[in-house]
Amino acid sequence: MKKVVATVEKGVNYIFHVLAASGVNFQNDYTKDYSCFLRKEDLEFLKMNREILSFQNGTASELVDPLIFFPAYLNLDSEEKLQKYFYLLLKALKRRTKGDFLREYADYVKKRRFWFPEINDEWFKNIEDKAELIEKVGKIYKENFSSYESMVWPDVSRKLEEKAKVVNQELEKLDLIRSWEEVTGLDFKFEEYQIVFVFSIENGPNANSLGYDRNVFYSGSRLDWLLDFISHEVGTHILIDLGLPMIKKFISNDRLQTQAEVKQFQQFYMAYECLAQFYNTMVLAKELTYDLIQFKSDKYLRIYGELYDTGKYSAKEMLEIAMESLV
């Protein structure tokens, strides 16, 4: 049986610890309480260069994936692993030799073909002029890891394990992947979908997808909301094939997008998220604890309901019709 599993991982939590403790992209109580675990000069550097590590609502700088999401996907949970990652990445950028990097992380690179961005020639090309910044951030990750591991992680991991245990008990009852496959007629590609709980991201972007099979969630969220939105994210992932061509076209473009292209992508993103919300009401068979008003969900849900009731349309057709209807 394909399973959704809540997990606790040191490497993922460390990456987001650095972001939250420095106040990059968002601030919360964690910022005030844990900034002391970053060296002063590193804190200042991260604050001065916050734009390279900023992301929200599907938008991100070109360095967010190589510096945040892909390292988190790999769960680099030791100084040695962090050092190796940045050594191989910088070797690929400075010497134009990508082979060692691609071989070391081959399994993860292969899985990324089902998600975005792909780790390919364009991925490296987009960051090749940022080697200095990457080297500096890599050094910050490595040199602040030991204090996190010894002084922060023991207490944080205990709290995360407690939450994961409760959530996994509930997830076992729901059998979400099977339900989503039945409702959409689509196949989830992997046997396990991991929800990695992170302690530090309150008020920050939640439900951050690291790849097709891994997603980051704030551990302090209410249990009912967590279960509803975990199901939503199963939906956005099982539906990804419908939108992946447009997503890859948009994020892989090596020129500035026109206003029309940006608007088209925004239209797609709203329709796509609302399609997942629509199916989620059937998967969970209850009123959801979240809404997507910011994505015009009232209008999209009405359209999807009308289309679905006819029994004529696939998920792909419903998405295309909804996008055309609200231009």
C-alpha atoms as a PDB file:
ATOM      1  CA  MET A   1       0.000   0.000   0.000  1.00  0.00           C
ATOM      2  CA  LYS A   2       1.253   3.461  -0.871  1.00  0.00           C
ATOM      3  CA  LYS A   3       1.666   5.537   2.266  1.00  0.00           C
ATOM      4  CA  VAL A   4       1.863   9.148   3.388  1.00  0.00           C
ATOM      5  CA  VAL A   5       4.341   9.264   6.277  1.00  0.00           C
ATOM      6  CA  ALA A   6       5.283  12.105   8.632  1.00  0.00           C
ATOM      7  CA  THR A   7       9.054  12.112   9.188  1.00  0.00           C
ATOM      8  CA  VAL A   8      11.599  13.994  11.289  1.00  0.00           C
ATOM      9  CA  GLU A   9      14.926  14.850   9.661  1.00  0.00           C
ATOM     10  CA  LYS A  10      17.858  16.788  11.077  1.00  0.00           C
ATOM     11  CA  GLY A  11      19.228  18.033   7.746  1.00  0.00           C
ATOM     12  CA  VAL A  12      15.921  19.500   6.601  1.00  0.00           C
ATOM     13  CA  ASN A  13      15.335  21.189   9.946  1.00  0.00           C
ATOM     14  CA  TYR A  14      18.846  22.624   9.924  1.00  0.00           C
ATOM     15  CA  ILE A  15      18.418  24.289   6.532  1.00  0.00           C
ATOM     16  CA  PHE A  16      15.215  25.970   7.667  1.00  0.00           C
ATOM     17  CA  HIS A  17      16.766  26.785  11.057  1.00  0.00           C
ATOM     18  CA  VAL A  18      19.352  28.937   9.286  1.00  0.00           C
ATOM     19  CA  LEU A  19      16.630  30.740   7.315  1.00  0.00           C
ATOM     20  CA  ALA A  20      14.353  31.308  10.298  1.00  0.00           C
ATOM     21  CA  ALA A  21      17.086  32.230  12.791  1.00  0.00           C
ATOM     22  CA  SER A  22      18.422  34.852  10.386  1.00  0.00           C
ATOM     23  CA  GLY A  23      14.962  36.239   9.615  1.00  0.00           C
ATOM     24  CA  VAL A  24      15.437  35.573   5.908  1.00  0.00           C
ATOM     25  CA  ASN A  25      12.109  35.463   4.034  1.00  0.00           C
ATOM     26  CA  PHE A  26      10.039  35.513   7.258  1.00  0.00           C
ATOM     27  CA  GLN A  27      10.364  36.220  10.978  1.00  0.00           C
ATOM     28  CA  ASN A  28       8.771  34.683  14.063  1.00  0.00           C
ATOM     29  CA  ASP A  29       9.527  33.850  17.685  1.00  0.00           C
ATOM     30  CA  TYR A  30      12.102  31.344  16.465  1.00  0.00           C
ATOM     31  CA  THR A  31      14.051  34.244  14.944  1.00  0.00           C
ATOM     32  CA  LYS A  32      14.278  35.973  18.320  1.00  0.00           C
ATOM     33  CA  ASP A  33      15.017  32.822  20.299  1.00  0.00           C
ATOM     34  CA  TYR A  34      17.513  31.095  18.011  1.00  0.00           C
ATOM     35  CA  SER A  35      19.430  33.823  16.146  1.00  0.00           C
ATOM     36  CA  CYS A  36      22.099  33.495  18.861  1.00  0.00           C
ATOM     37  CA  PHE A  37      23.026  30.107  17.382  1.00  0.00           C
ATOM     38  CA  LEU A  38      24.322  31.761  14.207  1.00  0.00           C
ATOM     39  CA  ARG A  39      27.643  33.560  14.193  1.00  0.00           C
ATOM     40  CA  LYS A  40      27.211  37.333  14.140  1.00  0.00           C
ATOM     41  CA  GLU A  41      29.033  37.848  10.842  1.00  0.00           C
ATOM     42  CA  ASP A  42      26.979  35.090   9.199  1.00  0.00           C
ATOM     43  CA  LEU A  43      23.757  36.605  10.490  1.00  0.00           C
ATOM     44  CA  GLU A  44      24.696  39.952   8.962  1.00  0.00           C
ATOM     45  CA  PHE A  45      25.632  38.374   5.619  1.00  0.00           C
ATOM     46  CA  LEU A  46      22.357  36.471   5.370  1.00  0.00           C
ATOM     47  CA  LYS A  47      20.325  39.573   6.202  1.00  0.00           C
ATOM     48  CA  MET A  48      22.201  41.640   3.613  1.00  0.00           C
ATOM     49  CA  ASN A  49      21.594  38.969   0.965  1.00  0.00           C
ATOM     50  CA  ARG A  50      18.063  37.933   1.902  1.00  0.00           C
ATOM     51  CA  GLU A  51      16.844  38.277  -1.701  1.00  0.00           C
ATOM     52  CA  ILE A  52      18.869  35.246  -2.821  1.00  0.00           C
ATOM     53  CA  LEU A  53      17.062  33.043  -0.293  1.00  0.00           C
ATOM     54  CA  SER A  54      13.525  34.390  -0.642  1.00  0.00           C
ATOM     55  CA  PHE A  55      10.574  32.336  -1.854  1.00  0.00           C
ATOM     56  CA  GLN A  56       6.785  32.375  -1.579  1.00  0.00           C
ATOM     57  CA  ASN A  57       3.658  31.294  -3.495  1.00  0.00           C
ATOM     58  CA  GLY A  58       5.515  29.574  -6.317  1.00  0.00           C
ATOM     59  CA  THR A  59       8.108  32.319  -6.869  1.00  0.00           C
ATOM     60  CA  ALA A  60      11.762  32.153  -5.844  1.00  0.00           C
ATOM     61  CA  SER A  61      15.212  33.460  -6.680  1.00  0.00           C
ATOM     62  CA  GLU A  62      17.422  31.220  -8.819  1.00  0.00           C
ATOM     63  CA  LEU A  63      19.502  30.295  -5.756  1.00  0.00           C
ATOM     64  CA  VAL A  64      16.640  29.010  -3.624  1.00  0.00           C
ATOM     65  CA  ASP A  65      16.772  25.512  -5.107  1.00  0.00           C
ATOM     66  CA  PRO A  66      20.557  24.906  -4.930  1.00  0.00           C
ATOM     67  CA  LEU A  67      20.833  26.552  -1.495  1.00  0.00           C
ATOM     68  CA  ILE A  68      17.579  25.445   0.193  1.00  0.00           C
ATOM     69  CA  PHE A  69      15.264  22.982  -1.508  1.00  0.00           C
ATOM     70  CA  PHE A  70      17.719  20.536  -3.080  1.00  0.00           C
ATOM     71  CA  PRO A  71      19.963  20.345   0.028  1.00  0.00           C
ATOM     72  CA  ALA A  72      16.798  19.790   2.082  1.00  0.00           C
ATOM     73  CA  TYR A  73      15.638  17.116  -0.379  1.00  0.00           C
ATOM     74  CA  LEU A  74      18.979  15.371   0.214  1.00  0.00           C
ATOM     75  CA  ASN A  75      18.659  15.746   4.013  1.00  0.00           C
ATOM     76  CA  LEU A  76      22.295  16.804   4.488  1.00  0.00           C
ATOM     77  CA  ASP A  77      22.459  15.971   8.174  1.00  0.00           C
ATOM     78  CA  SER A  78      26.179  16.273   8.979  1.00  0.00           C
ATOM     79  CA  GLU A  79      29.061  18.690   8.427  1.00  0.00           C
ATOM     80  CA  GLU A  80      30.651  16.126   6.131  1.00  0.00           C
ATOM     81  CA  LYS A  81      27.574  15.847   3.915  1.00  0.00           C
ATOM     82  CA  LEU A  82      27.206  19.623   3.728  1.00  0.00           C
ATOM     83  CA  GLN A  83      30.873  20.019   2.850  1.00  0.00           C
ATOM     84  CA  LYS A  84      30.675  17.370   0.120  1.00  0.00           C
ATOM     85  CA  TYR A  85      27.543  18.888  -1.425  1.00  0.00           C
ATOM     86  CA  PHE A  86      29.020  22.365  -1.747  1.00  0.00           C
ATOM     87  CA  TYR A  87      32.421  21.056  -2.856  1.00  0.00           C
ATOM     88  CA  LEU A  88      30.829  19.080  -5.694  1.00  0.00           C
ATOM     89  CA  LEU A  89      28.459  21.911  -6.634  1.00  0.00           C
ATOM     90  CA  LEU A  90      31.251  24.490  -6.764  1.00  0.00           C
ATOM     91  CA  LYS A  91      33.416  22.072  -8.745  1.00  0.00           C
ATOM     92  CA  ALA A  92      30.586  21.765 -11.252  1.00  0.00           C
ATOM     93  CA  LEU A  93      30.209  25.549 -11.506  1.00  0.00           C
ATOM     94  CA  LYS A  94      33.843  26.660 -11.469  1.00  0.00           C
ATOM     95  CA  ARG A  95      35.426  23.860 -13.490  1.00  0.00           C
ATOM     96  CA  ARG A  96      32.357  23.084 -15.642  1.00  0.00           C
ATOM     97  CA  THR A  97      32.557  19.438 -14.533  1.00  0.00           C
ATOM     98  CA  LYS A  98      29.122  18.277 -13.405  1.00  0.00           C
ATOM     99  CA  GLY A  99      29.782  14.538 -13.519  1.00  0.00           C
ATOM    100  CA  ASP A 100      30.785  13.997  -9.885  1.00  0.00           C
ATOM    101  CA  PHE A 101      27.792  15.993  -8.586  1.00  0.00           C
ATOM    102  CA  LEU A 102      25.348  14.137 -10.829  1.00  0.00           C
ATOM    103  CA  ARG A 103      26.792  10.731  -9.918  1.00  0.00           C
ATOM    104  CA  GLU A 104      26.784  11.423  -6.165  1.00  0.00           C
ATOM    105  CA  TYR A 105      23.116  12.452  -6.158  1.00  0.00           C
ATOM    106  CA  ALA A 106      21.953  10.371  -9.115  1.00  0.00           C
ATOM    107  CA  ASP A 107      18.901   8.844  -7.414  1.00  0.00           C
ATOM    108  CA  TYR A 108      17.610  12.239  -6.299  1.00  0.00           C
ATOM    109  CA  VAL A 109      18.357  13.876  -9.655  1.00  0.00           C
ATOM    110  CA  LYS A 110      16.345  11.109 -11.332  1.00  0.00           C
ATOM    111  CA  LYS A 111      13.390  11.664  -9.008  1.00  0.00           C
ATOM    112  CA  ARG A 112      13.481  15.391  -9.740  1.00  0.00           C
ATOM    113  CA  ARG A 113      12.447  14.657 -13.316  1.00  0.00           C
ATOM    114  CA  PHE A 114       8.948  14.199 -11.935  1.00  0.00           C
ATOM    115  CA  TRP A 115       9.087  17.625 -10.235  1.00  0.00           C
ATOM    116  CA  PHE A 116      10.718  21.009 -10.773  1.00  0.00           C
ATOM    117  CA  PRO A 117      13.199  22.389 -11.330  1.00  0.00           C
ATOM    118  CA  GLU A 118      15.001  19.508 -12.976  1.00  0.00           C
ATOM    119  CA  ILE A 119      18.688  19.170 -12.124  1.00  0.00           C
ATOM    120  CA  ASN A 120      19.965  19.564 -15.686  1.00  0.00           C
ATOM    121  CA  ASP A 121      22.327  21.719 -17.761  1.00  0.00           C
ATOM    122  CA  GLU A 122      20.029  24.704 -17.454  1.00  0.00           C
ATOM    123  CA  TRP A 123      19.922  24.370 -13.649  1.00  0.00           C
ATOM    124  CA  PHE A 124      23.710  24.716 -13.524  1.00  0.00           C
ATOM    125  CA  LYS A 125      23.823  27.450 -16.173  1.00  0.00           C
ATOM    126  CA  ASN A 126      21.357  29.627 -14.227  1.00  0.00           C
ATOM    127  CA  ILE A 127      23.666  29.721 -11.197  1.00  0.00           C
ATOM    128  CA  GLU A 128      27.148  29.524 -12.700  1.00  0.00           C
ATOM    129  CA  ASP A 129      27.768  33.246 -12.120  1.00  0.00           C
ATOM    130  CA  LYS A 130      26.723  32.935  -8.465  1.00  0.00           C
ATOM    131  CA  ALA A 131      29.556  30.645  -7.344  1.00  0.00           C
ATOM    132  CA  GLU A 132      30.918  33.159  -4.833  1.00  0.00           C
ATOM    133  CA  LEU A 133      27.578  33.546  -3.063  1.00  0.00           C
ATOM    134  CA  ILE A 134      27.024  29.786  -3.074  1.00  0.00           C
ATOM    135  CA  GLU A 135      30.464  29.216  -1.576  1.00  0.00           C
ATOM    136  CA  LYS A 136      29.782  31.725   1.198  1.00  0.00           C
ATOM    137  CA  VAL A 137      26.392  30.243   2.113  1.00  0.00           C
ATOM    138  CA  GLY A 138      27.883  26.752   2.041  1.00  0.00           C
ATOM    139  CA  LYS A 139      30.524  27.868   4.514  1.00  0.00           C
ATOM    140  CA  ILE A 140      27.812  29.344   6.762  1.00  0.00           C
ATOM    141  CA  TYR A 141      25.892  26.058   6.722  1.00  0.00           C
ATOM    142  CA  LYS A 142      28.994  24.050   7.592  1.00  0.00           C
ATOM    143  CA  GLU A 143      30.365  26.306  10.335  1.00  0.00           C
ATOM    144  CA  ASN A 144      27.080  26.726  12.226  1.00  0.00           C
ATOM    145  CA  PHE A 145      26.032  23.075  12.109  1.00  0.00           C
ATOM    146  CA  SER A 146      27.770  21.802  15.249  1.00  0.00           C
ATOM    147  CA  SER A 147      26.097  24.346  17.536  1.00  0.00           C
ATOM    148  CA  TYR A 148      22.705  23.442  16.078  1.00  0.00           C
ATOM    149  CA  GLU A 149      23.318  19.726  16.413  1.00  0.00           C
ATOM    150  CA  SER A 150      24.432  19.915  20.028  1.00  0.00           C
ATOM    151  CA  MET A 151      22.330  22.763  21.443  1.00  0.00           C
ATOM    152  CA  VAL A 152      19.124  22.974  19.383  1.00  0.00           C
ATOM    153  CA  TRP A 153      18.380  19.638  17.753  1.00  0.00           C
ATOM    154  CA  PRO A 154      18.031  17.441  20.873  1.00  0.00           C
ATOM    155  CA  ASP A 155      15.070  19.437  22.203  1.00  0.00           C
ATOM    156  CA  VAL A 156      13.567  20.212  18.785  1.00  0.00           C
ATOM    157  CA  SER A 157      13.736  16.596  17.599  1.00  0.00           C
ATOM    158  CA  ARG A 158      11.905  15.367  20.702  1.00  0.00           C
ATOM    159  CA  LYS A 159       8.990  17.747  20.024  1.00  0.00           C
ATOM    160  CA  LEU A 160       8.931  16.820  16.345  1.00  0.00           C
ATOM    161  CA  GLU A 161       8.889  13.086  17.075  1.00  0.00           C
ATOM    162  CA  GLU A 162       5.915  13.537  19.390  1.00  0.00           C
ATOM    163  CA  LYS A 163       3.949  15.381  16.691  1.00  0.00           C
ATOM    164  CA  ALA A 164       4.920  12.933  13.952  1.00  0.00           C
ATOM    165  CA  LYS A 165       3.712  10.000  16.047  1.00  0.00           C
ATOM    166  CA  VAL A 166       0.258  11.558  16.478  1.00  0.00           C
ATOM    167  CA  VAL A 167      -0.031  12.533  12.809  1.00  0.00           C
ATOM    168  CA  ASN A 168       1.088   9.109  11.553  1.00  0.00           C
ATOM    169  CA  GLN A 169      -1.599   7.423  13.627  1.00  0.00           C
ATOM    170  CA  GLU A 170      -4.193   9.567  11.853  1.00  0.00           C
ATOM    171  CA  LEU A 171      -2.640   9.171   8.396  1.00  0.00           C
ATOM    172  CA  GLU A 172      -2.817   5.385   8.675  1.00  0.00           C
ATOM    173  CA  LYS A 173      -6.592   5.653   9.046  1.00  0.00           C
ATOM    174  CA  LEU A 174      -7.039   7.865   5.972  1.00  0.00           C
ATOM    175  CA  ASP A 175      -5.215   5.908   3.212  1.00  0.00           C
ATOM    176  CA  LEU A 176      -4.891   9.180   1.283  1.00  0.00           C
ATOM    177  CA  ILE A 177      -2.971   8.069  -1.795  1.00  0.00           C
ATOM    178  CA  ARG A 178      -5.445   5.308  -2.642  1.00  0.00           C
ATOM    179  CA  SER A 179      -8.324   7.772  -2.215  1.00  0.00           C
ATOM    180  CA  TRP A 180      -6.695  10.343  -4.470  1.00  0.00           C
ATOM    181  CA  GLU A 181      -5.942   7.737  -7.136  1.00  0.00           C
ATOM    182  CA  GLU A 182      -9.586   6.647  -7.117  1.00  0.00           C
ATOM    183  CA  VAL A 183     -11.017  10.167  -7.288  1.00  0.00           C
ATOM    184  CA  THR A 184      -8.689  11.470 -10.022  1.00  0.00           C
ATOM    185  CA  GLY A 185      -8.032   8.299 -12.001  1.00  0.00           C
ATOM    186  CA  LEU A 186      -4.317   9.125 -11.810  1.00  0.00           C
ATOM    187  CA  ASP A 187      -1.400   7.128 -10.410  1.00  0.00           C
ATOM    188  CA  PHE A 188       0.905   8.327  -7.627  1.00  0.00           C
ATOM    189  CA  LYS A 189       4.401   7.472  -8.831  1.00  0.00           C
ATOM    190  CA  PHE A 190       6.117   6.426  -5.602  1.00  0.00           C
ATOM    191  CA  GLU A 191       5.307   4.037  -2.784  1.00  0.00           C
ATOM    192  CA  GLU A 192       5.817   6.669  -0.090  1.00  0.00           C
ATOM    193  CA  TYR A 193       5.100  10.389   0.190  1.00  0.00           C
ATOM    194  CA  GLN A 194       7.056  11.990   3.034  1.00  0.00           C
ATOM    195  CA  ILE A 195       5.830  14.920   5.105  1.00  0.00           C
ATOM    196  CA  VAL A 196       8.927  16.310   6.825  1.00  0.00           C
ATOM    197  CA  PHE A 197       8.031  18.239   9.965  1.00  0.00           C
ATOM    198  CA  VAL A 198      10.001  21.422  10.582  1.00  0.00           C
ATOM    199  CA  PHE A 199       9.968  23.301  13.868  1.00  0.00           C
ATOM    200  CA  SER A 200      11.103  26.761  12.747  1.00  0.00           C
ATOM    201  CA  ILE A 201       8.799  27.974   9.965  1.00  0.00           C
ATOM    202  CA  GLU A 202       5.809  29.444  11.779  1.00  0.00           C
ATOM    203  CA  ASN A 203       4.435  32.379   9.718  1.00  0.00           C
ATOM    204  CA  GLY A 204       6.623  31.318   6.825  1.00  0.00           C
ATOM    205  CA  PRO A 205       5.762  29.541   3.589  1.00  0.00           C
ATOM    206  CA  ASN A 206       4.201  26.229   4.622  1.00  0.00           C
ATOM    207  CA  ALA A 207       3.845  23.023   2.617  1.00  0.00           C
ATOM    208  CA  ASN A 208       7.093  23.542   0.709  1.00  0.00           C
ATOM    209  CA  SER A 209       7.520  20.798  -1.872  1.00  0.00           C
ATOM    210  CA  LEU A 210      11.089  19.516  -2.092  1.00  0.00           C
ATOM    211  CA  GLY A 211      10.263  17.004  -4.809  1.00  0.00           C
ATOM    212  CA  TYR A 212       7.467  14.749  -6.005  1.00  0.00           C
ATOM    213  CA  ASP A 213       7.736  12.555  -2.919  1.00  0.00           C
ATOM    214  CA  ARG A 214       8.749  15.015  -0.163  1.00  0.00           C
ATOM    215  CA  ASN A 215       7.118  18.057   1.408  1.00  0.00           C
ATOM    216  CA  VAL A 216       7.994  20.328   4.357  1.00  0.00           C
ATOM    217  CA  PHE A 217       5.276  21.241   6.890  1.00  0.00           C
ATOM    218  CA  TYR A 218       5.323  23.435   9.994  1.00  0.00           C
ATOM    219  CA  SER A 219       5.004  21.078  12.958  1.00  0.00           C
ATOM    220  CA  GLY A 220       3.072  23.492  15.155  1.00  0.00           C
ATOM    221  CA  SER A 221      -0.029  23.651  12.974  1.00  0.00           C
ATOM    222  CA  ARG A 222      -3.355  22.358  14.334  1.00  0.00           C
ATOM    223  CA  LEU A 223      -3.869  18.641  13.783  1.00  0.00           C
ATOM    224  CA  ASP A 224      -7.132  19.017  11.818  1.00  0.00           C
ATOM    225  CA  TRP A 225      -5.615  21.621   9.494  1.00  0.00           C
ATOM    226  CA  LEU A 226      -2.463  19.525   9.062  1.00  0.00           C
ATOM    227  CA  LEU A 227      -4.387  16.458   7.965  1.00  0.00           C
ATOM    228  CA  ASP A 228      -6.567  18.443   5.562  1.00  0.00           C
ATOM    229  CA  PHE A 229      -3.649  20.232   3.956  1.00  0.00           C
ATOM    230  CA  ILE A 230      -1.434  17.164   3.806  1.00  0.00           C
ATOM    231  CA  SER A 231      -4.240  15.613   1.764  1.00  0.00           C
ATOM    232  CA  HIS A 232      -4.354  18.757  -0.397  1.00  0.00           C
ATOM    233  CA  GLU A 233      -0.647  18.403  -1.098  1.00  0.00           C
ATOM    234  CA  VAL A 234      -1.037  14.755  -2.025  1.00  0.00           C
ATOM    235  CA  GLY A 235      -3.486  16.123  -4.579  1.00  0.00           C
ATOM    236  CA  THR A 236      -1.189  18.802  -5.974  1.00  0.00           C
ATOM    237  CA  HIS A 237       1.488  16.147  -6.420  1.00  0.00           C
ATOM    238  CA  ILE A 238      -0.655  13.469  -8.047  1.00  0.00           C
ATOM    239  CA  LEU A 239      -2.038  16.154 -10.393  1.00  0.00           C
ATOM    240  CA  ILE A 240       1.385  17.577 -11.281  1.00  0.00           C
ATOM    241  CA  ASP A 241       1.640  15.890 -14.685  1.00  0.00           C
ATOM    242  CA  LEU A 242      -1.256  18.061 -15.863  1.00  0.00           C
ATOM    243  CA  GLY A 243       0.678  21.252 -15.248  1.00  0.00           C
ATOM    244  CA  LEU A 244       4.341  20.260 -15.382  1.00  0.00           C
ATOM    245  CA  PRO A 245       4.872  21.331 -19.021  1.00  0.00           C
ATOM    246  CA  MET A 246       3.637  24.852 -18.237  1.00  0.00           C
ATOM    247  CA  ILE A 247       5.577  25.055 -14.974  1.00  0.00           C
ATOM    248  CA  LYS A 248       8.826  23.960 -16.611  1.00  0.00           C
ATOM    249  CA  LYS A 249       8.312  26.332 -19.511  1.00  0.00           C
ATOM    250  CA  PHE A 250       7.796  29.233 -17.119  1.00  0.00           C
ATOM    251  CA  ILE A 251      10.678  28.554 -14.722  1.00  0.00           C
ATOM    252  CA  SER A 252      13.100  27.466 -17.463  1.00  0.00           C
ATOM    253  CA  ASN A 253      12.701  30.573 -19.558  1.00  0.00           C
ATOM    254  CA  ASP A 254      16.071  32.333 -19.924  1.00  0.00           C
ATOM    255  CA  ARG A 255      14.439  35.686 -20.665  1.00  0.00           C
ATOM    256  CA  LEU A 256      12.090  37.932 -18.749  1.00  0.00           C
ATOM    257  CA  GLN A 257       8.492  36.843 -19.131  1.00  0.00           C
ATOM    258  CA  THR A 258       6.008  39.188 -20.730  1.00  0.00           C
ATOM    259  CA  GLN A 259       3.079  40.435 -18.676  1.00  0.00           C
ATOM    260  CA  ALA A 260       0.809  38.132 -20.661  1.00  0.00           C
ATOM    261  CA  GLU A 261       2.981  35.102 -19.832  1.00  0.00           C
ATOM    262  CA  VAL A 262       3.104  35.999 -16.140  1.00  0.00           C
ATOM    263  CA  LYS A 263      -0.673  36.412 -16.100  1.00  0.00           C
ATOM    264  CA  GLN A 264      -1.136  33.064 -17.834  1.00  0.00           C
ATOM    265  CA  PHE A 265       1.063  31.336 -15.263  1.00  0.00           C
ATOM    266  CA  GLN A 266      -0.778  32.982 -12.377  1.00  0.00           C
ATOM    267  CA  GLN A 267      -4.046  31.843 -13.946  1.00  0.00           C
ATOM    268  CA  PHE A 268      -2.743  28.307 -14.160  1.00  0.00           C
ATOM    269  CA  TYR A 269      -1.439  28.327 -10.571  1.00  0.00           C
ATOM    270  CA  MET A 270      -4.772  29.464  -9.148  1.00  0.00           C
ATOM    271  CA  ALA A 271      -6.797  26.998 -11.212  1.00  0.00           C
ATOM    272  CA  TYR A 272      -4.418  24.169 -10.338  1.00  0.00           C
ATOM    273  CA  GLU A 273      -4.488  24.747  -6.572  1.00  0.00           C
ATOM    274  CA  CYS A 274      -8.265  25.058  -6.624  1.00  0.00           C
ATOM    275  CA  LEU A 275      -8.617  21.823  -8.592  1.00  0.00           C
ATOM    276  CA  ALA A 276      -6.730  20.070  -5.790  1.00  0.00           C
ATOM    277  CA  GLN A 277      -9.034  21.727  -3.266  1.00  0.00           C
ATOM    278  CA  PHE A 278     -12.094  20.589  -5.232  1.00  0.00           C
ATOM    279  CA  TYR A 279     -10.994  16.947  -5.301  1.00  0.00           C
ATOM    280  CA  ASN A 280      -9.937  17.144  -1.657  1.00  0.00           C
ATOM    281  CA  THR A 281     -13.512  17.776  -0.574  1.00  0.00           C
ATOM    282  CA  MET A 282     -14.357  14.389  -2.093  1.00  0.00           C
ATOM    283  CA  VAL A 283     -11.294  12.590  -0.762  1.00  0.00           C
ATOM    284  CA  LEU A 284     -11.975  13.704   2.816  1.00  0.00           C
ATOM    285  CA  ALA A 285     -15.777  13.889   2.456  1.00  0.00           C
ATOM    286  CA  LYS A 286     -16.086  16.841   4.815  1.00  0.00           C
ATOM    287  CA  GLU A 287     -15.835  20.601   5.033  1.00  0.00           C
ATOM    288  CA  LEU A 288     -12.183  21.566   4.792  1.00  0.00           C
ATOM    289  CA  THR A 289     -10.375  23.584   7.466  1.00  0.00           C
ATOM    290  CA  TYR A 290      -8.667  25.768   4.855  1.00  0.00           C
ATOM    291  CA  ASP A 291      -9.770  27.895   1.939  1.00  0.00           C
ATOM    292  CA  LEU A 292      -7.999  29.350  -1.079  1.00  0.00           C
ATOM    293  CA  ILE A 293      -9.855  32.619  -1.398  1.00  0.00           C
ATOM    294  CA  GLN A 294      -6.637  34.299  -2.530  1.00  0.00           C
ATOM    295  CA  PHE A 295      -6.803  32.025  -5.584  1.00  0.00           C
ATOM    296  CA  LYS A 296     -10.458  32.852  -6.404  1.00  0.00           C
ATOM    297  CA  SER A 297     -11.527  29.473  -5.077  1.00  0.00           C
ATOM    298  CA  ASP A 298     -15.217  30.417  -4.907  1.00  0.00           C
ATOM    299  CA  LYS A 299     -15.319  30.854  -8.678  1.00  0.00           C
ATOM    300  CA  TYR A 300     -13.107  27.908  -9.565  1.00  0.00           C
ATOM    301  CA  LEU A 301     -14.897  25.491  -7.256  1.00  0.00           C
ATOM    302  CA  ARG A 302     -18.226  26.422  -8.820  1.00  0.00           C
ATOM    303  CA  ILE A 303     -16.849  25.723 -12.310  1.00  0.00           C
ATOM    304  CA  TYR A 304     -15.307  22.411 -11.275  1.00  0.00           C
ATOM    305  CA  GLY A 305     -18.500  21.321  -9.552  1.00  0.00           C
ATOM    306  CA  GLU A 306     -20.578  21.996 -12.651  1.00  0.00           C
ATOM    307  CA  LEU A 307     -18.135  20.160 -14.910  1.00  0.00           C
ATOM    308  CA  TYR A 308     -17.727  17.186 -12.592  1.00  0.00           C
ATOM    309  CA  ASP A 309     -21.489  16.724 -12.240  1.00  0.00           C
ATOM    310  CA  THR A 310     -21.806  16.112 -15.981  1.00  0.00           C
ATOM    311  CA  GLY A 311     -19.494  13.102 -15.703  1.00  0.00           C
ATOM    312  CA  LYS A 312     -17.847  14.003 -19.030  1.00  0.00           C
ATOM    313  CA  TYR A 313     -14.577  15.600 -18.087  1.00  0.00           C
ATOM    314  CA  SER A 314     -11.167  14.409 -16.952  1.00  0.00           C
ATOM    315  CA  ALA A 315      -9.076  16.367 -14.457  1.00  0.00           C
ATOM    316  CA  LYS A 316      -6.972  17.705 -17.347  1.00  0.00           C
ATOM    317  CA  GLU A 317     -10.034  18.913 -19.255  1.00  0.00           C
ATOM    318  CA  MET A 318     -11.528  20.514 -16.137  1.00  0.00           C
ATOM    319  CA  LEU A 319      -8.284  22.436 -15.511  1.00  0.00           C
ATOM    320  CA  GLU A 320      -8.110  23.682 -19.103  1.00  0.00           C
ATOM    321  CA  ILE A 321     -11.758  24.776 -19.166  1.00  0.00           C
ATOM    322  CA  ALA A 322     -11.453  26.577 -15.819  1.00  0.00           C
ATOM    323  CA  MET A 323      -8.391  28.502 -17.002  1.00  0.00           C
ATOM    324  CA  GLU A 324     -10.212  29.622 -20.153  1.00  0.00           C
ATOM    325  CA  SER A 325     -13.340  30.558 -18.200  1.00  0.00           C
ATOM    326  CA  LEU A 326     -11.671  33.076 -15.915  1.00  0.00           C
ATOM    327  CA  VAL A 327      -9.263  34.854 -18.239  1.00  0.00           C
END
